[in-house]
C-alpha atoms as a PDB file:
ATOM      1  CA  MET A   1       0.087  -0.174  -0.036  1.00  0.00           C
ATOM      2  CA  ALA A   2       3.018   2.207   0.053  1.00  0.00           C
ATOM      3  CA  ALA A   3       2.189   3.389   3.849  1.00  0.00           C
ATOM      4  CA  SER A   4       5.609   4.427   3.245  1.00  0.00           C
ATOM      5  CA  ALA A   5       5.654   7.466   5.753  1.00  0.00           C
ATOM      6  CA  MET A   6       3.852   8.716   9.403  1.00  0.00           C
ATOM      7  CA  ASP A   7       2.095  11.757   7.407  1.00  0.00           C
ATOM      8  CA  GLU A   8      -0.095   8.507   5.521  1.00  0.00           C
ATOM      9  CA  VAL A   9      -0.852   6.794   8.560  1.00  0.00           C
ATOM     10  CA  ASP A  10      -1.970  10.660   9.858  1.00  0.00           C
ATOM     11  CA  LEU A  11      -4.257  10.697   6.706  1.00  0.00           C
ATOM     12  CA  VAL A  12      -6.287   7.414   7.034  1.00  0.00           C
ATOM     13  CA  LEU A  13      -6.799   8.237  10.924  1.00  0.00           C
ATOM     14  CA  ARG A  14      -7.631  11.696  10.179  1.00  0.00           C
ATOM     15  CA  THR A  15     -10.327  10.764   7.088  1.00  0.00           C
ATOM     16  CA  MET A  16     -11.453   8.216   9.218  1.00  0.00           C
ATOM     17  CA  ALA A  17     -12.110  10.240  12.279  1.00  0.00           C
ATOM     18  CA  LYS A  18     -13.999  13.123  10.302  1.00  0.00           C
ATOM     19  CA  THR A  19     -15.925  10.794   8.392  1.00  0.00           C
ATOM     20  CA  ILE A  20     -17.453   9.228  11.747  1.00  0.00           C
ATOM     21  CA  VAL A  21     -17.869  12.356  13.192  1.00  0.00           C
ATOM     22  CA  ASP A  22     -19.677  13.747   9.712  1.00  0.00           C
ATOM     23  CA  ASN A  23     -21.991  10.898   9.344  1.00  0.00           C
ATOM     24  CA  ALA A  24     -22.886  10.499  12.799  1.00  0.00           C
ATOM     25  CA  VAL A  25     -26.651  10.670  12.484  1.00  0.00           C
ATOM     26  CA  TYR A  26     -26.877   8.778   9.665  1.00  0.00           C
ATOM     27  CA  PHE A  27     -25.189   5.978  11.499  1.00  0.00           C
ATOM     28  CA  ALA A  28     -27.433   6.490  14.413  1.00  0.00           C
ATOM     29  CA  ASP A  29     -30.462   6.644  12.266  1.00  0.00           C
ATOM     30  CA  LEU A  30     -29.610   3.229  10.867  1.00  0.00           C
ATOM     31  CA  ASP A  31     -29.129   1.816  14.215  1.00  0.00           C
ATOM     32  CA  SER A  32     -32.610   3.224  15.804  1.00  0.00           C
ATOM     33  CA  VAL A  33     -34.360   0.467  13.364  1.00  0.00           C
ATOM     34  CA  VAL A  34     -33.792  -2.572  15.609  1.00  0.00           C
ATOM     35  CA  GLY A  35     -31.036  -1.355  17.912  1.00  0.00           C
ATOM     36  CA  ASP A  36     -31.086   1.806  20.602  1.00  0.00           C
ATOM     37  CA  GLY A  37     -30.111   4.398  17.944  1.00  0.00           C
ATOM     38  CA  ASP A  38     -26.519   5.465  20.088  1.00  0.00           C
ATOM     39  CA  PHE A  39     -23.908   3.952  17.575  1.00  0.00           C
ATOM     40  CA  GLY A  40     -23.454   6.841  15.667  1.00  0.00           C
ATOM     41  CA  TYR A  41     -23.402   9.486  18.591  1.00  0.00           C
ATOM     42  CA  SER A  42     -21.670   6.720  21.141  1.00  0.00           C
ATOM     43  CA  LEU A  43     -18.504   6.701  18.316  1.00  0.00           C
ATOM     44  CA  ARG A  44     -18.767  10.691  17.475  1.00  0.00           C
ATOM     45  CA  ASN A  45     -18.100  11.435  21.316  1.00  0.00           C
ATOM     46  CA  GLY A  46     -14.765   9.511  21.137  1.00  0.00           C
ATOM     47  CA  PHE A  47     -13.585  10.532  17.536  1.00  0.00           C
ATOM     48  CA  GLU A  48     -14.535  14.333  17.870  1.00  0.00           C
ATOM     49  CA  VAL A  49     -11.879  13.983  20.360  1.00  0.00           C
ATOM     50  CA  VAL A  50      -9.482  12.119  17.898  1.00  0.00           C
ATOM     51  CA  VAL A  51     -10.236  15.239  15.156  1.00  0.00           C
ATOM     52  CA  SER A  52      -9.427  17.893  18.028  1.00  0.00           C
ATOM     53  CA  ASP A  53      -6.535  16.613  19.747  1.00  0.00           C
ATOM     54  CA  TYR A  54      -5.171  14.058  17.022  1.00  0.00           C
ATOM     55  CA  ASP A  55      -1.947  17.104  16.530  1.00  0.00           C
ATOM     56  CA  THR A  56      -1.158  16.160  20.441  1.00  0.00           C
ATOM     57  CA  PHE A  57      -1.064  12.623  19.972  1.00  0.00           C
ATOM     58  CA  ASP A  58       2.411  10.756  20.336  1.00  0.00           C
ATOM     59  CA  ARG A  59       3.129  10.130  16.639  1.00  0.00           C
ATOM     60  CA  SER A  60       6.323   8.921  16.967  1.00  0.00           C
ATOM     61  CA  SER A  61       5.280   5.336  15.331  1.00  0.00           C
ATOM     62  CA  ALA A  62       2.203   3.584  14.229  1.00  0.00           C
ATOM     63  CA  GLY A  63       1.810   1.937  17.130  1.00  0.00           C
ATOM     64  CA  ALA A  64       1.714   4.820  19.300  1.00  0.00           C
ATOM     65  CA  VAL A  65      -0.928   6.766  17.611  1.00  0.00           C
ATOM     66  CA  LEU A  66      -2.947   3.803  17.088  1.00  0.00           C
ATOM     67  CA  LYS A  67      -2.647   3.008  21.280  1.00  0.00           C
ATOM     68  CA  LYS A  68      -3.682   6.324  21.950  1.00  0.00           C
ATOM     69  CA  VAL A  69      -6.337   6.680  19.721  1.00  0.00           C
ATOM     70  CA  GLY A  70      -7.697   3.175  21.380  1.00  0.00           C
ATOM     71  CA  PHE A  71      -7.584   4.608  24.854  1.00  0.00           C
ATOM     72  CA  VAL A  72      -9.219   7.824  23.565  1.00  0.00           C
ATOM     73  CA  LEU A  73     -12.170   5.305  22.340  1.00  0.00           C
ATOM     74  CA  SER A  74     -12.269   3.158  25.140  1.00  0.00           C
ATOM     75  CA  GLY A  75     -12.608   5.941  27.618  1.00  0.00           C
ATOM     76  CA  LYS A  76     -14.840   8.271  25.890  1.00  0.00           C
ATOM     77  CA  VAL A  77     -17.436   5.843  23.953  1.00  0.00           C
ATOM     78  CA  GLY A  78     -20.242   4.920  25.475  1.00  0.00           C
ATOM     79  CA  GLY A  79     -22.014   1.205  25.110  1.00  0.00           C
ATOM     80  CA  VAL A  80     -20.834  -1.908  23.842  1.00  0.00           C
ATOM     81  CA  SER A  81     -18.457   0.101  21.127  1.00  0.00           C
ATOM     82  CA  GLY A  82     -16.323   2.034  23.400  1.00  0.00           C
ATOM     83  CA  PRO A  83     -14.775  -1.403  24.569  1.00  0.00           C
ATOM     84  CA  ILE A  84     -14.652  -2.957  20.966  1.00  0.00           C
ATOM     85  CA  TRP A  85     -13.586  -0.430  18.897  1.00  0.00           C
ATOM     86  CA  GLY A  86     -11.027   0.965  21.768  1.00  0.00           C
ATOM     87  CA  THR A  87      -9.703  -2.920  21.621  1.00  0.00           C
ATOM     88  CA  ALA A  88      -9.473  -3.130  18.262  1.00  0.00           C
ATOM     89  CA  PHE A  89      -6.938  -0.078  18.158  1.00  0.00           C
ATOM     90  CA  LEU A  90      -5.095  -1.467  20.910  1.00  0.00           C
ATOM     91  CA  ARG A  91      -4.756  -4.870  19.288  1.00  0.00           C
ATOM     92  CA  ALA A  92      -3.879  -2.767  16.042  1.00  0.00           C
ATOM     93  CA  SER A  93      -1.094  -0.903  17.875  1.00  0.00           C
ATOM     94  CA  GLN A  94       0.383  -3.888  19.140  1.00  0.00           C
ATOM     95  CA  ALA A  95       0.845  -5.409  15.674  1.00  0.00           C
ATOM     96  CA  ALA A  96       1.854  -2.136  14.582  1.00  0.00           C
ATOM     97  CA  GLY A  97       4.526  -1.636  17.434  1.00  0.00           C
ATOM     98  CA  ASP A  98       7.286   0.907  17.160  1.00  0.00           C
ATOM     99  CA  LYS A  99       7.380   0.556  12.641  1.00  0.00           C
ATOM    100  CA  THR A 100       7.328   4.371  11.270  1.00  0.00           C
ATOM    101  CA  ASP A 101       7.100   2.512   7.488  1.00  0.00           C
ATOM    102  CA  LEU A 102       4.737   0.170   6.927  1.00  0.00           C
ATOM    103  CA  THR A 103       4.929  -2.622   3.850  1.00  0.00           C
ATOM    104  CA  SER A 104       1.567  -4.137   3.007  1.00  0.00           C
ATOM    105  CA  ALA A 105       1.898  -7.502   4.710  1.00  0.00           C
ATOM    106  CA  ASP A 106       2.408  -4.873   7.947  1.00  0.00           C
ATOM    107  CA  VAL A 107      -0.874  -3.199   7.239  1.00  0.00           C
ATOM    108  CA  ILE A 108      -3.183  -6.646   6.526  1.00  0.00           C
ATOM    109  CA  ALA A 109      -1.646  -7.890   9.825  1.00  0.00           C
ATOM    110  CA  ILE A 110      -2.414  -4.831  11.655  1.00  0.00           C
ATOM    111  CA  LEU A 111      -6.004  -4.899  10.532  1.00  0.00           C
ATOM    112  CA  ARG A 112      -6.089  -8.300  10.935  1.00  0.00           C
ATOM    113  CA  ALA A 113      -4.714  -7.904  14.575  1.00  0.00           C
ATOM    114  CA  ALA A 114      -7.860  -5.441  14.935  1.00  0.00           C
ATOM    115  CA  VAL A 115     -10.311  -8.162  13.908  1.00  0.00           C
ATOM    116  CA  THR A 116      -8.946 -10.897  16.238  1.00  0.00           C
ATOM    117  CA  GLY A 117      -9.766  -7.866  19.133  1.00  0.00           C
ATOM    118  CA  ILE A 118     -13.043  -7.389  17.754  1.00  0.00           C
ATOM    119  CA  MET A 119     -13.755 -10.827  17.588  1.00  0.00           C
ATOM    120  CA  HIS A 120     -12.482 -11.470  21.474  1.00  0.00           C
ATOM    121  CA  ARG A 121     -14.023  -8.372  23.030  1.00  0.00           C
ATOM    122  CA  GLY A 122     -17.192  -8.863  21.228  1.00  0.00           C
ATOM    123  CA  GLY A 123     -17.446 -12.775  20.997  1.00  0.00           C
ATOM    124  CA  ALA A 124     -19.041 -11.988  17.882  1.00  0.00           C
ATOM    125  CA  SER A 125     -18.076 -14.112  14.157  1.00  0.00           C
ATOM    126  CA  LEU A 126     -18.810 -13.676  10.554  1.00  0.00           C
ATOM    127  CA  GLY A 127     -22.393 -14.224   9.568  1.00  0.00           C
ATOM    128  CA  GLU A 128     -23.887 -12.447  12.774  1.00  0.00           C
ATOM    129  CA  LYS A 129     -24.824  -9.110  11.225  1.00  0.00           C
ATOM    130  CA  THR A 130     -21.898  -6.789  12.655  1.00  0.00           C
ATOM    131  CA  LEU A 131     -19.062  -4.932  11.360  1.00  0.00           C
ATOM    132  CA  LEU A 132     -17.236  -7.878  10.990  1.00  0.00           C
ATOM    133  CA  ASP A 133     -19.234  -8.821   7.988  1.00  0.00           C
ATOM    134  CA  ALA A 134     -18.068  -5.872   5.994  1.00  0.00           C
ATOM    135  CA  LEU A 135     -14.610  -5.410   7.711  1.00  0.00           C
ATOM    136  CA  VAL A 136     -13.165  -9.303   6.960  1.00  0.00           C
ATOM    137  CA  PRO A 137     -14.427  -9.566   3.430  1.00  0.00           C
ATOM    138  CA  ALA A 138     -12.642  -6.096   2.868  1.00  0.00           C
ATOM    139  CA  ILE A 139      -8.907  -7.136   4.293  1.00  0.00           C
ATOM    140  CA  ASP A 140      -9.306 -10.038   2.244  1.00  0.00           C
ATOM    141  CA  THR A 141      -9.934  -7.993  -1.196  1.00  0.00           C
ATOM    142  CA  LEU A 142      -7.093  -5.454   0.459  1.00  0.00           C
ATOM    143  CA  GLU A 143      -4.810  -8.416   0.657  1.00  0.00           C
ATOM    144  CA  ALA A 144      -5.115 -10.005  -2.711  1.00  0.00           C
ATOM    145  CA  GLY A 145      -5.442  -6.209  -4.261  1.00  0.00           C
ATOM    146  CA  LEU A 146      -1.911  -5.440  -2.777  1.00  0.00           C
ATOM    147  CA  ALA A 147      -0.384  -8.551  -3.815  1.00  0.00           C
ATOM    148  CA  ARG A 148      -0.750  -8.228  -7.302  1.00  0.00           C
ATOM    149  CA  PRO A 149       2.441  -6.406  -9.505  1.00  0.00           C
ATOM    150  CA  GLU A 150       0.775  -3.280 -10.390  1.00  0.00           C
ATOM    151  CA  SER A 151      -0.343  -2.438  -6.773  1.00  0.00           C
ATOM    152  CA  ALA A 152       3.479  -1.276  -6.123  1.00  0.00           C
ATOM    153  CA  GLN A 153       2.964   1.140  -9.484  1.00  0.00           C
ATOM    154  CA  ASP A 154      -0.316   2.965  -8.377  1.00  0.00           C
ATOM    155  CA  HIS A 155       0.629   2.779  -4.564  1.00  0.00           C
ATOM    156  CA  GLY A 156      -2.440   0.342  -3.820  1.00  0.00           C
ATOM    157  CA  VAL A 157      -4.969   2.857  -4.781  1.00  0.00           C
ATOM    158  CA  ALA A 158      -7.089   0.252  -7.006  1.00  0.00           C
ATOM    159  CA  ALA A 159      -6.618  -2.420  -4.372  1.00  0.00           C
ATOM    160  CA  LEU A 160      -8.365  -0.111  -1.706  1.00  0.00           C
ATOM    161  CA  GLN A 161     -11.052   1.025  -3.900  1.00  0.00           C
ATOM    162  CA  GLU A 162     -11.726  -2.550  -4.541  1.00  0.00           C
ATOM    163  CA  ALA A 163     -11.801  -3.251  -0.878  1.00  0.00           C
ATOM    164  CA  ALA A 164     -13.809  -0.053  -0.465  1.00  0.00           C
ATOM    165  CA  ASP A 165     -16.578  -1.476  -2.547  1.00  0.00           C
ATOM    166  CA  VAL A 166     -16.752  -4.646  -1.486  1.00  0.00           C
ATOM    167  CA  ALA A 167     -17.379  -3.376   2.078  1.00  0.00           C
ATOM    168  CA  THR A 168     -20.602  -1.394   0.856  1.00  0.00           C
ATOM    169  CA  ARG A 169     -21.758  -4.573  -1.280  1.00  0.00           C
ATOM    170  CA  ALA A 170     -21.292  -6.577   2.070  1.00  0.00           C
ATOM    171  CA  ALA A 171     -23.299  -4.118   4.359  1.00  0.00           C
ATOM    172  CA  GLU A 172     -25.673  -4.362   2.062  1.00  0.00           C
ATOM    173  CA  ASP A 173     -25.823  -8.194   2.001  1.00  0.00           C
ATOM    174  CA  THR A 174     -26.205  -7.987   5.977  1.00  0.00           C
ATOM    175  CA  LYS A 175     -29.929  -6.834   5.146  1.00  0.00           C
ATOM    176  CA  PRO A 176     -31.358 -10.405   5.283  1.00  0.00           C
ATOM    177  CA  MET A 177     -29.131 -11.540   8.278  1.00  0.00           C
ATOM    178  CA  LEU A 178     -30.668 -12.397  11.472  1.00  0.00           C
ATOM    179  CA  ALA A 179     -28.892 -10.285  14.243  1.00  0.00           C
ATOM    180  CA  LEU A 180     -27.032 -12.404  16.778  1.00  0.00           C
ATOM    181  CA  ARG A 181     -24.873  -9.748  18.337  1.00  0.00           C
ATOM    182  CA  GLY A 182     -25.560  -6.616  20.121  1.00  0.00           C
ATOM    183  CA  ARG A 183     -28.860  -4.890  20.756  1.00  0.00           C
ATOM    184  CA  ALA A 184     -30.367  -5.554  17.467  1.00  0.00           C
ATOM    185  CA  ALA A 185     -30.447  -9.222  18.261  1.00  0.00           C
ATOM    186  CA  TYR A 186     -33.040  -8.837  21.055  1.00  0.00           C
ATOM    187  CA  THR A 187     -35.534  -7.938  18.582  1.00  0.00           C
ATOM    188  CA  GLY A 188     -34.983 -11.312  16.613  1.00  0.00           C
ATOM    189  CA  GLU A 189     -36.425 -11.755  13.528  1.00  0.00           C
ATOM    190  CA  ARG A 190     -37.151  -8.488  13.438  1.00  0.00           C
ATOM    191  CA  SER A 191     -33.409  -7.529  12.446  1.00  0.00           C
ATOM    192  CA  ILE A 192     -34.136  -8.754   9.297  1.00  0.00           C
ATOM    193  CA  GLY A 193     -34.332  -6.685   6.488  1.00  0.00           C
ATOM    194  CA  SER A 194     -32.486  -3.500   7.376  1.00  0.00           C
ATOM    195  CA  VAL A 195     -28.570  -3.394   6.989  1.00  0.00           C
ATOM    196  CA  ASP A 196     -26.234  -3.506  10.501  1.00  0.00           C
ATOM    197  CA  ALA A 197     -25.239  -0.206  11.092  1.00  0.00           C
ATOM    198  CA  GLY A 198     -21.689  -1.111  12.049  1.00  0.00           C
ATOM    199  CA  ALA A 199     -21.028  -2.650   8.764  1.00  0.00           C
ATOM    200  CA  THR A 200     -22.313   0.298   7.121  1.00  0.00           C
ATOM    201  CA  ALA A 201     -20.141   2.144   8.897  1.00  0.00           C
ATOM    202  CA  ILE A 202     -17.165   0.167   7.489  1.00  0.00           C
ATOM    203  CA  GLY A 203     -17.889   0.688   3.955  1.00  0.00           C
ATOM    204  CA  VAL A 204     -18.272   4.475   4.472  1.00  0.00           C
ATOM    205  CA  ILE A 205     -15.410   4.886   6.126  1.00  0.00           C
ATOM    206  CA  LEU A 206     -13.333   2.458   3.814  1.00  0.00           C
ATOM    207  CA  GLN A 207     -15.115   4.791   0.852  1.00  0.00           C
ATOM    208  CA  SER A 208     -13.742   7.979   2.307  1.00  0.00           C
ATOM    209  CA  ILE A 209     -10.232   6.749   3.097  1.00  0.00           C
ATOM    210  CA  SER A 210     -10.069   5.431  -0.530  1.00  0.00           C
ATOM    211  CA  ALA A 211     -10.856   8.856  -2.168  1.00  0.00           C
ATOM    212  CA  ALA A 212      -8.507  10.283   0.658  1.00  0.00           C
ATOM    213  CA  TRP A 213      -5.885   7.757  -0.703  1.00  0.00           C
ATOM    214  CA  ARG A 214      -6.541   8.067  -4.024  1.00  0.00           C
ATOM    215  CA  GLU A 215      -6.170  12.083  -4.057  1.00  0.00           C
ATOM    216  CA  LYS A 216      -2.847  12.234  -2.420  1.00  0.00           C
ATOM    217  CA  PHE A 217      -1.336   9.763  -4.936  1.00  0.00           C
ATOM    218  CA  ASP A 218      -2.843  11.822  -8.135  1.00  0.00           C
ATOM    219  CA  GLN A 219      -1.511  14.808  -6.660  1.00  0.00           C
ATOM    220  CA  ARG A 220       1.724  13.244  -5.973  1.00  0.00           C
ATOM    221  CA  GLU A 221       1.661  11.712  -9.895  1.00  0.00           C
ATOM    222  CA  THR A 222       0.945  15.102 -11.591  1.00  0.00           C
ATOM    223  CA  GLY A 223       3.371  17.151  -8.913  1.00  0.00           C
ATOM    224  CA  THR A 224       0.459  19.455  -8.016  1.00  0.00           C
END
């Protein structure tokens, strides 16, 4: 993915945080269909701090900044989302360690560590109508895309877009699923027919990151 400098880690995290804050109402509305409707607002509570305080975070390494984000989310995000998202970032930080340059393999390892954290903390698996149903196939797609020789030439732009598109489609595919985790699980069959808010959020976030990544490298190639 050519994530060769901390400014690219910053780009991803800043874009993610801003996207979550900007879409808080949308995510909450989705969650209100079968959940308690606080998903978007809970996430916003944490990511607003990430947006406002990011420049003060320890960004000496990928692991350091991911750890700080994890701590912020664990402390500021309420409900079940705080522990799950916080754990995801803390596990990711452990995988990143003190690296300041990330290879494609490093990026995939960091993302898979986050997934492991989510599964461990939330007790969820694929097919249970959670954010994992969009995140895992997106990571699989990204890994396959980054393995192509041409990915080095376009800095992973195409691979990241493919991953974002897969996440978006996968989120839609949660509509006929029966929710087995979270508050939506308590609604039983009423959860069928609506998309999962967390999975949808993953798609929206990855689309935003993909657009920012493409813009960065388009500008680099044109020298603007």
